[in-house]
């Protein structure tokens, strides 16, 4: 979760958090 938050903050992972229901893509 910490790594994901960092990637989203710097704009390197725009699609990692795409979600549908409880799934992440």
PDBML (XML) file of the C-alpha atoms, coordinates in Angstrom:
<?xml version="1.0" encoding="UTF-8" ?>
<PDBx:datablock datablockName="MODEL"
   xmlns:PDBx="http://pdbml.pdb.org/schema/pdbx-v50.xsd"
   xmlns:xsi="http://www.w3.org/2001/XMLSchema-instance"
   xsi:schemaLocation="http://pdbml.pdb.org/schema/pdbx-v50.xsd pdbx-v50.xsd">
   <PDBx:atom_siteCategory>
      <PDBx:atom_site id="1">
         <PDBx:B_iso_or_equiv>0.00</PDBx:B_iso_or_equiv>
         <PDBx:Cartn_x>0.000</PDBx:Cartn_x>
         <PDBx:Cartn_y>0.000</PDBx:Cartn_y>
         <PDBx:Cartn_z>0.000</PDBx:Cartn_z>
         <PDBx:auth_asym_id>A</PDBx:auth_asym_id>
         <PDBx:auth_atom_id>CA</PDBx:auth_atom_id>
         <PDBx:auth_comp_id>UNK</PDBx:auth_comp_id>
         <PDBx:auth_seq_id>1</PDBx:auth_seq_id>
         <PDBx:group_PDB>ATOM</PDBx:group_PDB>
         <PDBx:label_alt_id xsi:nil="true" />
         <PDBx:label_asym_id>A</PDBx:label_asym_id>
         <PDBx:label_atom_id>CA</PDBx:label_atom_id>
         <PDBx:label_comp_id>UNK</PDBx:label_comp_id>
         <PDBx:label_entity_id>1</PDBx:label_entity_id>
         <PDBx:label_seq_id>1</PDBx:label_seq_id>
         <PDBx:occupancy>1.00</PDBx:occupancy>
         <PDBx:pdbx_PDB_model_num>1</PDBx:pdbx_PDB_model_num>
         <PDBx:type_symbol>C</PDBx:type_symbol>
      </PDBx:atom_site>
      <PDBx:atom_site id="2">
         <PDBx:B_iso_or_equiv>0.00</PDBx:B_iso_or_equiv>
         <PDBx:Cartn_x>2.870</PDBx:Cartn_x>
         <PDBx:Cartn_y>2.363</PDBx:Cartn_y>
         <PDBx:Cartn_z>0.779</PDBx:Cartn_z>
         <PDBx:auth_asym_id>A</PDBx:auth_asym_id>
         <PDBx:auth_atom_id>CA</PDBx:auth_atom_id>
         <PDBx:auth_comp_id>UNK</PDBx:auth_comp_id>
         <PDBx:auth_seq_id>2</PDBx:auth_seq_id>
         <PDBx:group_PDB>ATOM</PDBx:group_PDB>
         <PDBx:label_alt_id xsi:nil="true" />
         <PDBx:label_asym_id>A</PDBx:label_asym_id>
         <PDBx:label_atom_id>CA</PDBx:label_atom_id>
         <PDBx:label_comp_id>UNK</PDBx:label_comp_id>
         <PDBx:label_entity_id>1</PDBx:label_entity_id>
         <PDBx:label_seq_id>2</PDBx:label_seq_id>
         <PDBx:occupancy>1.00</PDBx:occupancy>
         <PDBx:pdbx_PDB_model_num>1</PDBx:pdbx_PDB_model_num>
         <PDBx:type_symbol>C</PDBx:type_symbol>
      </PDBx:atom_site>
      <PDBx:atom_site id="3">
         <PDBx:B_iso_or_equiv>0.00</PDBx:B_iso_or_equiv>
         <PDBx:Cartn_x>4.523</PDBx:Cartn_x>
         <PDBx:Cartn_y>1.634</PDBx:Cartn_y>
         <PDBx:Cartn_z>-2.574</PDBx:Cartn_z>
         <PDBx:auth_asym_id>A</PDBx:auth_asym_id>
         <PDBx:auth_atom_id>CA</PDBx:auth_atom_id>
         <PDBx:auth_comp_id>UNK</PDBx:auth_comp_id>
         <PDBx:auth_seq_id>3</PDBx:auth_seq_id>
         <PDBx:group_PDB>ATOM</PDBx:group_PDB>
         <PDBx:label_alt_id xsi:nil="true" />
         <PDBx:label_asym_id>A</PDBx:label_asym_id>
         <PDBx:label_atom_id>CA</PDBx:label_atom_id>
         <PDBx:label_comp_id>UNK</PDBx:label_comp_id>
         <PDBx:label_entity_id>1</PDBx:label_entity_id>
         <PDBx:label_seq_id>3</PDBx:label_seq_id>
         <PDBx:occupancy>1.00</PDBx:occupancy>
         <PDBx:pdbx_PDB_model_num>1</PDBx:pdbx_PDB_model_num>
         <PDBx:type_symbol>C</PDBx:type_symbol>
      </PDBx:atom_site>
      <PDBx:atom_site id="4">
         <PDBx:B_iso_or_equiv>0.00</PDBx:B_iso_or_equiv>
         <PDBx:Cartn_x>1.231</PDBx:Cartn_x>
         <PDBx:Cartn_y>2.104</PDBx:Cartn_y>
         <PDBx:Cartn_z>-4.433</PDBx:Cartn_z>
         <PDBx:auth_asym_id>A</PDBx:auth_asym_id>
         <PDBx:auth_atom_id>CA</PDBx:auth_atom_id>
         <PDBx:auth_comp_id>UNK</PDBx:auth_comp_id>
         <PDBx:auth_seq_id>4</PDBx:auth_seq_id>
         <PDBx:group_PDB>ATOM</PDBx:group_PDB>
         <PDBx:label_alt_id xsi:nil="true" />
         <PDBx:label_asym_id>A</PDBx:label_asym_id>
         <PDBx:label_atom_id>CA</PDBx:label_atom_id>
         <PDBx:label_comp_id>UNK</PDBx:label_comp_id>
         <PDBx:label_entity_id>1</PDBx:label_entity_id>
         <PDBx:label_seq_id>4</PDBx:label_seq_id>
         <PDBx:occupancy>1.00</PDBx:occupancy>
         <PDBx:pdbx_PDB_model_num>1</PDBx:pdbx_PDB_model_num>
         <PDBx:type_symbol>C</PDBx:type_symbol>
      </PDBx:atom_site>
      <PDBx:atom_site id="5">
         <PDBx:B_iso_or_equiv>0.00</PDBx:B_iso_or_equiv>
         <PDBx:Cartn_x>0.627</PDBx:Cartn_x>
         <PDBx:Cartn_y>5.451</PDBx:Cartn_y>
         <PDBx:Cartn_z>-2.745</PDBx:Cartn_z>
         <PDBx:auth_asym_id>A</PDBx:auth_asym_id>
         <PDBx:auth_atom_id>CA</PDBx:auth_atom_id>
         <PDBx:auth_comp_id>UNK</PDBx:auth_comp_id>
         <PDBx:auth_seq_id>5</PDBx:auth_seq_id>
         <PDBx:group_PDB>ATOM</PDBx:group_PDB>
         <PDBx:label_alt_id xsi:nil="true" />
         <PDBx:label_asym_id>A</PDBx:label_asym_id>
         <PDBx:label_atom_id>CA</PDBx:label_atom_id>
         <PDBx:label_comp_id>UNK</PDBx:label_comp_id>
         <PDBx:label_entity_id>1</PDBx:label_entity_id>
         <PDBx:label_seq_id>5</PDBx:label_seq_id>
         <PDBx:occupancy>1.00</PDBx:occupancy>
         <PDBx:pdbx_PDB_model_num>1</PDBx:pdbx_PDB_model_num>
         <PDBx:type_symbol>C</PDBx:type_symbol>
      </PDBx:atom_site>
      <PDBx:atom_site id="6">
         <PDBx:B_iso_or_equiv>0.00</PDBx:B_iso_or_equiv>
         <PDBx:Cartn_x>4.109</PDBx:Cartn_x>
         <PDBx:Cartn_y>6.601</PDBx:Cartn_y>
         <PDBx:Cartn_z>-3.722</PDBx:Cartn_z>
         <PDBx:auth_asym_id>A</PDBx:auth_asym_id>
         <PDBx:auth_atom_id>CA</PDBx:auth_atom_id>
         <PDBx:auth_comp_id>UNK</PDBx:auth_comp_id>
         <PDBx:auth_seq_id>6</PDBx:auth_seq_id>
         <PDBx:group_PDB>ATOM</PDBx:group_PDB>
         <PDBx:label_alt_id xsi:nil="true" />
         <PDBx:label_asym_id>A</PDBx:label_asym_id>
         <PDBx:label_atom_id>CA</PDBx:label_atom_id>
         <PDBx:label_comp_id>UNK</PDBx:label_comp_id>
         <PDBx:label_entity_id>1</PDBx:label_entity_id>
         <PDBx:label_seq_id>6</PDBx:label_seq_id>
         <PDBx:occupancy>1.00</PDBx:occupancy>
         <PDBx:pdbx_PDB_model_num>1</PDBx:pdbx_PDB_model_num>
         <PDBx:type_symbol>C</PDBx:type_symbol>
      </PDBx:atom_site>
      <PDBx:atom_site id="7">
         <PDBx:B_iso_or_equiv>0.00</PDBx:B_iso_or_equiv>
         <PDBx:Cartn_x>3.696</PDBx:Cartn_x>
         <PDBx:Cartn_y>5.548</PDBx:Cartn_y>
         <PDBx:Cartn_z>-7.360</PDBx:Cartn_z>
         <PDBx:auth_asym_id>A</PDBx:auth_asym_id>
         <PDBx:auth_atom_id>CA</PDBx:auth_atom_id>
         <PDBx:auth_comp_id>UNK</PDBx:auth_comp_id>
         <PDBx:auth_seq_id>7</PDBx:auth_seq_id>
         <PDBx:group_PDB>ATOM</PDBx:group_PDB>
         <PDBx:label_alt_id xsi:nil="true" />
         <PDBx:label_asym_id>A</PDBx:label_asym_id>
         <PDBx:label_atom_id>CA</PDBx:label_atom_id>
         <PDBx:label_comp_id>UNK</PDBx:label_comp_id>
         <PDBx:label_entity_id>1</PDBx:label_entity_id>
         <PDBx:label_seq_id>7</PDBx:label_seq_id>
         <PDBx:occupancy>1.00</PDBx:occupancy>
         <PDBx:pdbx_PDB_model_num>1</PDBx:pdbx_PDB_model_num>
         <PDBx:type_symbol>C</PDBx:type_symbol>
      </PDBx:atom_site>
      <PDBx:atom_site id="8">
         <PDBx:B_iso_or_equiv>0.00</PDBx:B_iso_or_equiv>
         <PDBx:Cartn_x>0.360</PDBx:Cartn_x>
         <PDBx:Cartn_y>7.314</PDBx:Cartn_y>
         <PDBx:Cartn_z>-7.623</PDBx:Cartn_z>
         <PDBx:auth_asym_id>A</PDBx:auth_asym_id>
         <PDBx:auth_atom_id>CA</PDBx:auth_atom_id>
         <PDBx:auth_comp_id>UNK</PDBx:auth_comp_id>
         <PDBx:auth_seq_id>8</PDBx:auth_seq_id>
         <PDBx:group_PDB>ATOM</PDBx:group_PDB>
         <PDBx:label_alt_id xsi:nil="true" />
         <PDBx:label_asym_id>A</PDBx:label_asym_id>
         <PDBx:label_atom_id>CA</PDBx:label_atom_id>
         <PDBx:label_comp_id>UNK</PDBx:label_comp_id>
         <PDBx:label_entity_id>1</PDBx:label_entity_id>
         <PDBx:label_seq_id>8</PDBx:label_seq_id>
         <PDBx:occupancy>1.00</PDBx:occupancy>
         <PDBx:pdbx_PDB_model_num>1</PDBx:pdbx_PDB_model_num>
         <PDBx:type_symbol>C</PDBx:type_symbol>
      </PDBx:atom_site>
      <PDBx:atom_site id="9">
         <PDBx:B_iso_or_equiv>0.00</PDBx:B_iso_or_equiv>
         <PDBx:Cartn_x>1.828</PDBx:Cartn_x>
         <PDBx:Cartn_y>10.417</PDBx:Cartn_y>
         <PDBx:Cartn_z>-6.051</PDBx:Cartn_z>
         <PDBx:auth_asym_id>A</PDBx:auth_asym_id>
         <PDBx:auth_atom_id>CA</PDBx:auth_atom_id>
         <PDBx:auth_comp_id>UNK</PDBx:auth_comp_id>
         <PDBx:auth_seq_id>9</PDBx:auth_seq_id>
         <PDBx:group_PDB>ATOM</PDBx:group_PDB>
         <PDBx:label_alt_id xsi:nil="true" />
         <PDBx:label_asym_id>A</PDBx:label_asym_id>
         <PDBx:label_atom_id>CA</PDBx:label_atom_id>
         <PDBx:label_comp_id>UNK</PDBx:label_comp_id>
         <PDBx:label_entity_id>1</PDBx:label_entity_id>
         <PDBx:label_seq_id>9</PDBx:label_seq_id>
         <PDBx:occupancy>1.00</PDBx:occupancy>
         <PDBx:pdbx_PDB_model_num>1</PDBx:pdbx_PDB_model_num>
         <PDBx:type_symbol>C</PDBx:type_symbol>
      </PDBx:atom_site>
      <PDBx:atom_site id="10">
         <PDBx:B_iso_or_equiv>0.00</PDBx:B_iso_or_equiv>
         <PDBx:Cartn_x>4.638</PDBx:Cartn_x>
         <PDBx:Cartn_y>10.700</PDBx:Cartn_y>
         <PDBx:Cartn_z>-8.588</PDBx:Cartn_z>
         <PDBx:auth_asym_id>A</PDBx:auth_asym_id>
         <PDBx:auth_atom_id>CA</PDBx:auth_atom_id>
         <PDBx:auth_comp_id>UNK</PDBx:auth_comp_id>
         <PDBx:auth_seq_id>10</PDBx:auth_seq_id>
         <PDBx:group_PDB>ATOM</PDBx:group_PDB>
         <PDBx:label_alt_id xsi:nil="true" />
         <PDBx:label_asym_id>A</PDBx:label_asym_id>
         <PDBx:label_atom_id>CA</PDBx:label_atom_id>
         <PDBx:label_comp_id>UNK</PDBx:label_comp_id>
         <PDBx:label_entity_id>1</PDBx:label_entity_id>
         <PDBx:label_seq_id>10</PDBx:label_seq_id>
         <PDBx:occupancy>1.00</PDBx:occupancy>
         <PDBx:pdbx_PDB_model_num>1</PDBx:pdbx_PDB_model_num>
         <PDBx:type_symbol>C</PDBx:type_symbol>
      </PDBx:atom_site>
      <PDBx:atom_site id="11">
         <PDBx:B_iso_or_equiv>0.00</PDBx:B_iso_or_equiv>
         <PDBx:Cartn_x>2.317</PDBx:Cartn_x>
         <PDBx:Cartn_y>9.812</PDBx:Cartn_y>
         <PDBx:Cartn_z>-11.462</PDBx:Cartn_z>
         <PDBx:auth_asym_id>A</PDBx:auth_asym_id>
         <PDBx:auth_atom_id>CA</PDBx:auth_atom_id>
         <PDBx:auth_comp_id>UNK</PDBx:auth_comp_id>
         <PDBx:auth_seq_id>11</PDBx:auth_seq_id>
         <PDBx:group_PDB>ATOM</PDBx:group_PDB>
         <PDBx:label_alt_id xsi:nil="true" />
         <PDBx:label_asym_id>A</PDBx:label_asym_id>
         <PDBx:label_atom_id>CA</PDBx:label_atom_id>
         <PDBx:label_comp_id>UNK</PDBx:label_comp_id>
         <PDBx:label_entity_id>1</PDBx:label_entity_id>
         <PDBx:label_seq_id>11</PDBx:label_seq_id>
         <PDBx:occupancy>1.00</PDBx:occupancy>
         <PDBx:pdbx_PDB_model_num>1</PDBx:pdbx_PDB_model_num>
         <PDBx:type_symbol>C</PDBx:type_symbol>
      </PDBx:atom_site>
      <PDBx:atom_site id="12">
         <PDBx:B_iso_or_equiv>0.00</PDBx:B_iso_or_equiv>
         <PDBx:Cartn_x>4.124</PDBx:Cartn_x>
         <PDBx:Cartn_y>6.661</PDBx:Cartn_y>
         <PDBx:Cartn_z>-12.573</PDBx:Cartn_z>
         <PDBx:auth_asym_id>A</PDBx:auth_asym_id>
         <PDBx:auth_atom_id>CA</PDBx:auth_atom_id>
         <PDBx:auth_comp_id>UNK</PDBx:auth_comp_id>
         <PDBx:auth_seq_id>12</PDBx:auth_seq_id>
         <PDBx:group_PDB>ATOM</PDBx:group_PDB>
         <PDBx:label_alt_id xsi:nil="true" />
         <PDBx:label_asym_id>A</PDBx:label_asym_id>
         <PDBx:label_atom_id>CA</PDBx:label_atom_id>
         <PDBx:label_comp_id>UNK</PDBx:label_comp_id>
         <PDBx:label_entity_id>1</PDBx:label_entity_id>
         <PDBx:label_seq_id>12</PDBx:label_seq_id>
         <PDBx:occupancy>1.00</PDBx:occupancy>
         <PDBx:pdbx_PDB_model_num>1</PDBx:pdbx_PDB_model_num>
         <PDBx:type_symbol>C</PDBx:type_symbol>
      </PDBx:atom_site>
      <PDBx:atom_site id="13">
         <PDBx:B_iso_or_equiv>0.00</PDBx:B_iso_or_equiv>
         <PDBx:Cartn_x>1.266</PDBx:Cartn_x>
         <PDBx:Cartn_y>4.202</PDBx:Cartn_y>
         <PDBx:Cartn_z>-12.149</PDBx:Cartn_z>
         <PDBx:auth_asym_id>A</PDBx:auth_asym_id>
         <PDBx:auth_atom_id>CA</PDBx:auth_atom_id>
         <PDBx:auth_comp_id>UNK</PDBx:auth_comp_id>
         <PDBx:auth_seq_id>13</PDBx:auth_seq_id>
         <PDBx:group_PDB>ATOM</PDBx:group_PDB>
         <PDBx:label_alt_id xsi:nil="true" />
         <PDBx:label_asym_id>A</PDBx:label_asym_id>
         <PDBx:label_atom_id>CA</PDBx:label_atom_id>
         <PDBx:label_comp_id>UNK</PDBx:label_comp_id>
         <PDBx:label_entity_id>1</PDBx:label_entity_id>
         <PDBx:label_seq_id>13</PDBx:label_seq_id>
         <PDBx:occupancy>1.00</PDBx:occupancy>
         <PDBx:pdbx_PDB_model_num>1</PDBx:pdbx_PDB_model_num>
         <PDBx:type_symbol>C</PDBx:type_symbol>
      </PDBx:atom_site>
      <PDBx:atom_site id="14">
         <PDBx:B_iso_or_equiv>0.00</PDBx:B_iso_or_equiv>
         <PDBx:Cartn_x>-1.959</PDBx:Cartn_x>
         <PDBx:Cartn_y>5.772</PDBx:Cartn_y>
         <PDBx:Cartn_z>-13.416</PDBx:Cartn_z>
         <PDBx:auth_asym_id>A</PDBx:auth_asym_id>
         <PDBx:auth_atom_id>CA</PDBx:auth_atom_id>
         <PDBx:auth_comp_id>UNK</PDBx:auth_comp_id>
         <PDBx:auth_seq_id>14</PDBx:auth_seq_id>
         <PDBx:group_PDB>ATOM</PDBx:group_PDB>
         <PDBx:label_alt_id xsi:nil="true" />
         <PDBx:label_asym_id>A</PDBx:label_asym_id>
         <PDBx:label_atom_id>CA</PDBx:label_atom_id>
         <PDBx:label_comp_id>UNK</PDBx:label_comp_id>
         <PDBx:label_entity_id>1</PDBx:label_entity_id>
         <PDBx:label_seq_id>14</PDBx:label_seq_id>
         <PDBx:occupancy>1.00</PDBx:occupancy>
         <PDBx:pdbx_PDB_model_num>1</PDBx:pdbx_PDB_model_num>
         <PDBx:type_symbol>C</PDBx:type_symbol>
      </PDBx:atom_site>
      <PDBx:atom_site id="15">
         <PDBx:B_iso_or_equiv>0.00</PDBx:B_iso_or_equiv>
         <PDBx:Cartn_x>-3.828</PDBx:Cartn_x>
         <PDBx:Cartn_y>2.491</PDBx:Cartn_y>
         <PDBx:Cartn_z>-13.936</PDBx:Cartn_z>
         <PDBx:auth_asym_id>A</PDBx:auth_asym_id>
         <PDBx:auth_atom_id>CA</PDBx:auth_atom_id>
         <PDBx:auth_comp_id>UNK</PDBx:auth_comp_id>
         <PDBx:auth_seq_id>15</PDBx:auth_seq_id>
         <PDBx:group_PDB>ATOM</PDBx:group_PDB>
         <PDBx:label_alt_id xsi:nil="true" />
         <PDBx:label_asym_id>A</PDBx:label_asym_id>
         <PDBx:label_atom_id>CA</PDBx:label_atom_id>
         <PDBx:label_comp_id>UNK</PDBx:label_comp_id>
         <PDBx:label_entity_id>1</PDBx:label_entity_id>
         <PDBx:label_seq_id>15</PDBx:label_seq_id>
         <PDBx:occupancy>1.00</PDBx:occupancy>
         <PDBx:pdbx_PDB_model_num>1</PDBx:pdbx_PDB_model_num>
         <PDBx:type_symbol>C</PDBx:type_symbol>
      </PDBx:atom_site>
      <PDBx:atom_site id="16">
         <PDBx:B_iso_or_equiv>0.00</PDBx:B_iso_or_equiv>
         <PDBx:Cartn_x>-2.650</PDBx:Cartn_x>
         <PDBx:Cartn_y>0.338</PDBx:Cartn_y>
         <PDBx:Cartn_z>-11.054</PDBx:Cartn_z>
         <PDBx:auth_asym_id>A</PDBx:auth_asym_id>
         <PDBx:auth_atom_id>CA</PDBx:auth_atom_id>
         <PDBx:auth_comp_id>UNK</PDBx:auth_comp_id>
         <PDBx:auth_seq_id>16</PDBx:auth_seq_id>
         <PDBx:group_PDB>ATOM</PDBx:group_PDB>
         <PDBx:label_alt_id xsi:nil="true" />
         <PDBx:label_asym_id>A</PDBx:label_asym_id>
         <PDBx:label_atom_id>CA</PDBx:label_atom_id>
         <PDBx:label_comp_id>UNK</PDBx:label_comp_id>
         <PDBx:label_entity_id>1</PDBx:label_entity_id>
         <PDBx:label_seq_id>16</PDBx:label_seq_id>
         <PDBx:occupancy>1.00</PDBx:occupancy>
         <PDBx:pdbx_PDB_model_num>1</PDBx:pdbx_PDB_model_num>
         <PDBx:type_symbol>C</PDBx:type_symbol>
      </PDBx:atom_site>
      <PDBx:atom_site id="17">
         <PDBx:B_iso_or_equiv>0.00</PDBx:B_iso_or_equiv>
         <PDBx:Cartn_x>-5.559</PDBx:Cartn_x>
         <PDBx:Cartn_y>1.427</PDBx:Cartn_y>
         <PDBx:Cartn_z>-8.876</PDBx:Cartn_z>
         <PDBx:auth_asym_id>A</PDBx:auth_asym_id>
         <PDBx:auth_atom_id>CA</PDBx:auth_atom_id>
         <PDBx:auth_comp_id>UNK</PDBx:auth_comp_id>
         <PDBx:auth_seq_id>17</PDBx:auth_seq_id>
         <PDBx:group_PDB>ATOM</PDBx:group_PDB>
         <PDBx:label_alt_id xsi:nil="true" />
         <PDBx:label_asym_id>A</PDBx:label_asym_id>
         <PDBx:label_atom_id>CA</PDBx:label_atom_id>
         <PDBx:label_comp_id>UNK</PDBx:label_comp_id>
         <PDBx:label_entity_id>1</PDBx:label_entity_id>
         <PDBx:label_seq_id>17</PDBx:label_seq_id>
         <PDBx:occupancy>1.00</PDBx:occupancy>
         <PDBx:pdbx_PDB_model_num>1</PDBx:pdbx_PDB_model_num>
         <PDBx:type_symbol>C</PDBx:type_symbol>
      </PDBx:atom_site>
      <PDBx:atom_site id="18">
         <PDBx:B_iso_or_equiv>0.00</PDBx:B_iso_or_equiv>
         <PDBx:Cartn_x>-8.299</PDBx:Cartn_x>
         <PDBx:Cartn_y>0.866</PDBx:Cartn_y>
         <PDBx:Cartn_z>-11.474</PDBx:Cartn_z>
         <PDBx:auth_asym_id>A</PDBx:auth_asym_id>
         <PDBx:auth_atom_id>CA</PDBx:auth_atom_id>
         <PDBx:auth_comp_id>UNK</PDBx:auth_comp_id>
         <PDBx:auth_seq_id>18</PDBx:auth_seq_id>
         <PDBx:group_PDB>ATOM</PDBx:group_PDB>
         <PDBx:label_alt_id xsi:nil="true" />
         <PDBx:label_asym_id>A</PDBx:label_asym_id>
         <PDBx:label_atom_id>CA</PDBx:label_atom_id>
         <PDBx:label_comp_id>UNK</PDBx:label_comp_id>
         <PDBx:label_entity_id>1</PDBx:label_entity_id>
         <PDBx:label_seq_id>18</PDBx:label_seq_id>
         <PDBx:occupancy>1.00</PDBx:occupancy>
         <PDBx:pdbx_PDB_model_num>1</PDBx:pdbx_PDB_model_num>
         <PDBx:type_symbol>C</PDBx:type_symbol>
      </PDBx:atom_site>
      <PDBx:atom_site id="19">
         <PDBx:B_iso_or_equiv>0.00</PDBx:B_iso_or_equiv>
         <PDBx:Cartn_x>-10.992</PDBx:Cartn_x>
         <PDBx:Cartn_y>-1.054</PDBx:Cartn_y>
         <PDBx:Cartn_z>-9.640</PDBx:Cartn_z>
         <PDBx:auth_asym_id>A</PDBx:auth_asym_id>
         <PDBx:auth_atom_id>CA</PDBx:auth_atom_id>
         <PDBx:auth_comp_id>UNK</PDBx:auth_comp_id>
         <PDBx:auth_seq_id>19</PDBx:auth_seq_id>
         <PDBx:group_PDB>ATOM</PDBx:group_PDB>
         <PDBx:label_alt_id xsi:nil="true" />
         <PDBx:label_asym_id>A</PDBx:label_asym_id>
         <PDBx:label_atom_id>CA</PDBx:label_atom_id>
         <PDBx:label_comp_id>UNK</PDBx:label_comp_id>
         <PDBx:label_entity_id>1</PDBx:label_entity_id>
         <PDBx:label_seq_id>19</PDBx:label_seq_id>
         <PDBx:occupancy>1.00</PDBx:occupancy>
         <PDBx:pdbx_PDB_model_num>1</PDBx:pdbx_PDB_model_num>
         <PDBx:type_symbol>C</PDBx:type_symbol>
      </PDBx:atom_site>
      <PDBx:atom_site id="20">
         <PDBx:B_iso_or_equiv>0.00</PDBx:B_iso_or_equiv>
         <PDBx:Cartn_x>-14.254</PDBx:Cartn_x>
         <PDBx:Cartn_y>-2.836</PDBx:Cartn_y>
         <PDBx:Cartn_z>-10.306</PDBx:Cartn_z>
         <PDBx:auth_asym_id>A</PDBx:auth_asym_id>
         <PDBx:auth_atom_id>CA</PDBx:auth_atom_id>
         <PDBx:auth_comp_id>UNK</PDBx:auth_comp_id>
         <PDBx:auth_seq_id>20</PDBx:auth_seq_id>
         <PDBx:group_PDB>ATOM</PDBx:group_PDB>
         <PDBx:label_alt_id xsi:nil="true" />
         <PDBx:label_asym_id>A</PDBx:label_asym_id>
         <PDBx:label_atom_id>CA</PDBx:label_atom_id>
         <PDBx:label_comp_id>UNK</PDBx:label_comp_id>
         <PDBx:label_entity_id>1</PDBx:label_entity_id>
         <PDBx:label_seq_id>20</PDBx:label_seq_id>
         <PDBx:occupancy>1.00</PDBx:occupancy>
         <PDBx:pdbx_PDB_model_num>1</PDBx:pdbx_PDB_model_num>
         <PDBx:type_symbol>C</PDBx:type_symbol>
      </PDBx:atom_site>
      <PDBx:atom_site id="21">
         <PDBx:B_iso_or_equiv>0.00</PDBx:B_iso_or_equiv>
         <PDBx:Cartn_x>-15.997</PDBx:Cartn_x>
         <PDBx:Cartn_y>-4.090</PDBx:Cartn_y>
         <PDBx:Cartn_z>-7.191</PDBx:Cartn_z>
         <PDBx:auth_asym_id>A</PDBx:auth_asym_id>
         <PDBx:auth_atom_id>CA</PDBx:auth_atom_id>
         <PDBx:auth_comp_id>UNK</PDBx:auth_comp_id>
         <PDBx:auth_seq_id>21</PDBx:auth_seq_id>
         <PDBx:group_PDB>ATOM</PDBx:group_PDB>
         <PDBx:label_alt_id xsi:nil="true" />
         <PDBx:label_asym_id>A</PDBx:label_asym_id>
         <PDBx:label_atom_id>CA</PDBx:label_atom_id>
         <PDBx:label_comp_id>UNK</PDBx:label_comp_id>
         <PDBx:label_entity_id>1</PDBx:label_entity_id>
         <PDBx:label_seq_id>21</PDBx:label_seq_id>
         <PDBx:occupancy>1.00</PDBx:occupancy>
         <PDBx:pdbx_PDB_model_num>1</PDBx:pdbx_PDB_model_num>
         <PDBx:type_symbol>C</PDBx:type_symbol>
      </PDBx:atom_site>
      <PDBx:atom_site id="22">
         <PDBx:B_iso_or_equiv>0.00</PDBx:B_iso_or_equiv>
         <PDBx:Cartn_x>-13.313</PDBx:Cartn_x>
         <PDBx:Cartn_y>-5.551</PDBx:Cartn_y>
         <PDBx:Cartn_z>-4.938</PDBx:Cartn_z>
         <PDBx:auth_asym_id>A</PDBx:auth_asym_id>
         <PDBx:auth_atom_id>CA</PDBx:auth_atom_id>
         <PDBx:auth_comp_id>UNK</PDBx:auth_comp_id>
         <PDBx:auth_seq_id>22</PDBx:auth_seq_id>
         <PDBx:group_PDB>ATOM</PDBx:group_PDB>
         <PDBx:label_alt_id xsi:nil="true" />
         <PDBx:label_asym_id>A</PDBx:label_asym_id>
         <PDBx:label_atom_id>CA</PDBx:label_atom_id>
         <PDBx:label_comp_id>UNK</PDBx:label_comp_id>
         <PDBx:label_entity_id>1</PDBx:label_entity_id>
         <PDBx:label_seq_id>22</PDBx:label_seq_id>
         <PDBx:occupancy>1.00</PDBx:occupancy>
         <PDBx:pdbx_PDB_model_num>1</PDBx:pdbx_PDB_model_num>
         <PDBx:type_symbol>C</PDBx:type_symbol>
      </PDBx:atom_site>
      <PDBx:atom_site id="23">
         <PDBx:B_iso_or_equiv>0.00</PDBx:B_iso_or_equiv>
         <PDBx:Cartn_x>-10.880</PDBx:Cartn_x>
         <PDBx:Cartn_y>-6.369</PDBx:Cartn_y>
         <PDBx:Cartn_z>-7.760</PDBx:Cartn_z>
         <PDBx:auth_asym_id>A</PDBx:auth_asym_id>
         <PDBx:auth_atom_id>CA</PDBx:auth_atom_id>
         <PDBx:auth_comp_id>UNK</PDBx:auth_comp_id>
         <PDBx:auth_seq_id>23</PDBx:auth_seq_id>
         <PDBx:group_PDB>ATOM</PDBx:group_PDB>
         <PDBx:label_alt_id xsi:nil="true" />
         <PDBx:label_asym_id>A</PDBx:label_asym_id>
         <PDBx:label_atom_id>CA</PDBx:label_atom_id>
         <PDBx:label_comp_id>UNK</PDBx:label_comp_id>
         <PDBx:label_entity_id>1</PDBx:label_entity_id>
         <PDBx:label_seq_id>23</PDBx:label_seq_id>
         <PDBx:occupancy>1.00</PDBx:occupancy>
         <PDBx:pdbx_PDB_model_num>1</PDBx:pdbx_PDB_model_num>
         <PDBx:type_symbol>C</PDBx:type_symbol>
      </PDBx:atom_site>
      <PDBx:atom_site id="24">
         <PDBx:B_iso_or_equiv>0.00</PDBx:B_iso_or_equiv>
         <PDBx:Cartn_x>-7.875</PDBx:Cartn_x>
         <PDBx:Cartn_y>-4.274</PDBx:Cartn_y>
         <PDBx:Cartn_z>-8.690</PDBx:Cartn_z>
         <PDBx:auth_asym_id>A</PDBx:auth_asym_id>
         <PDBx:auth_atom_id>CA</PDBx:auth_atom_id>
         <PDBx:auth_comp_id>UNK</PDBx:auth_comp_id>
         <PDBx:auth_seq_id>24</PDBx:auth_seq_id>
         <PDBx:group_PDB>ATOM</PDBx:group_PDB>
         <PDBx:label_alt_id xsi:nil="true" />
         <PDBx:label_asym_id>A</PDBx:label_asym_id>
         <PDBx:label_atom_id>CA</PDBx:label_atom_id>
         <PDBx:label_comp_id>UNK</PDBx:label_comp_id>
         <PDBx:label_entity_id>1</PDBx:label_entity_id>
         <PDBx:label_seq_id>24</PDBx:label_seq_id>
         <PDBx:occupancy>1.00</PDBx:occupancy>
         <PDBx:pdbx_PDB_model_num>1</PDBx:pdbx_PDB_model_num>
         <PDBx:type_symbol>C</PDBx:type_symbol>
      </PDBx:atom_site>
      <PDBx:atom_site id="25">
         <PDBx:B_iso_or_equiv>0.00</PDBx:B_iso_or_equiv>
         <PDBx:Cartn_x>-6.353</PDBx:Cartn_x>
         <PDBx:Cartn_y>-4.142</PDBx:Cartn_y>
         <PDBx:Cartn_z>-12.161</PDBx:Cartn_z>
         <PDBx:auth_asym_id>A</PDBx:auth_asym_id>
         <PDBx:auth_atom_id>CA</PDBx:auth_atom_id>
         <PDBx:auth_comp_id>UNK</PDBx:auth_comp_id>
         <PDBx:auth_seq_id>25</PDBx:auth_seq_id>
         <PDBx:group_PDB>ATOM</PDBx:group_PDB>
         <PDBx:label_alt_id xsi:nil="true" />
         <PDBx:label_asym_id>A</PDBx:label_asym_id>
         <PDBx:label_atom_id>CA</PDBx:label_atom_id>
         <PDBx:label_comp_id>UNK</PDBx:label_comp_id>
         <PDBx:label_entity_id>1</PDBx:label_entity_id>
         <PDBx:label_seq_id>25</PDBx:label_seq_id>
         <PDBx:occupancy>1.00</PDBx:occupancy>
         <PDBx:pdbx_PDB_model_num>1</PDBx:pdbx_PDB_model_num>
         <PDBx:type_symbol>C</PDBx:type_symbol>
      </PDBx:atom_site>
   </PDBx:atom_siteCategory>
</PDBx:datablock>
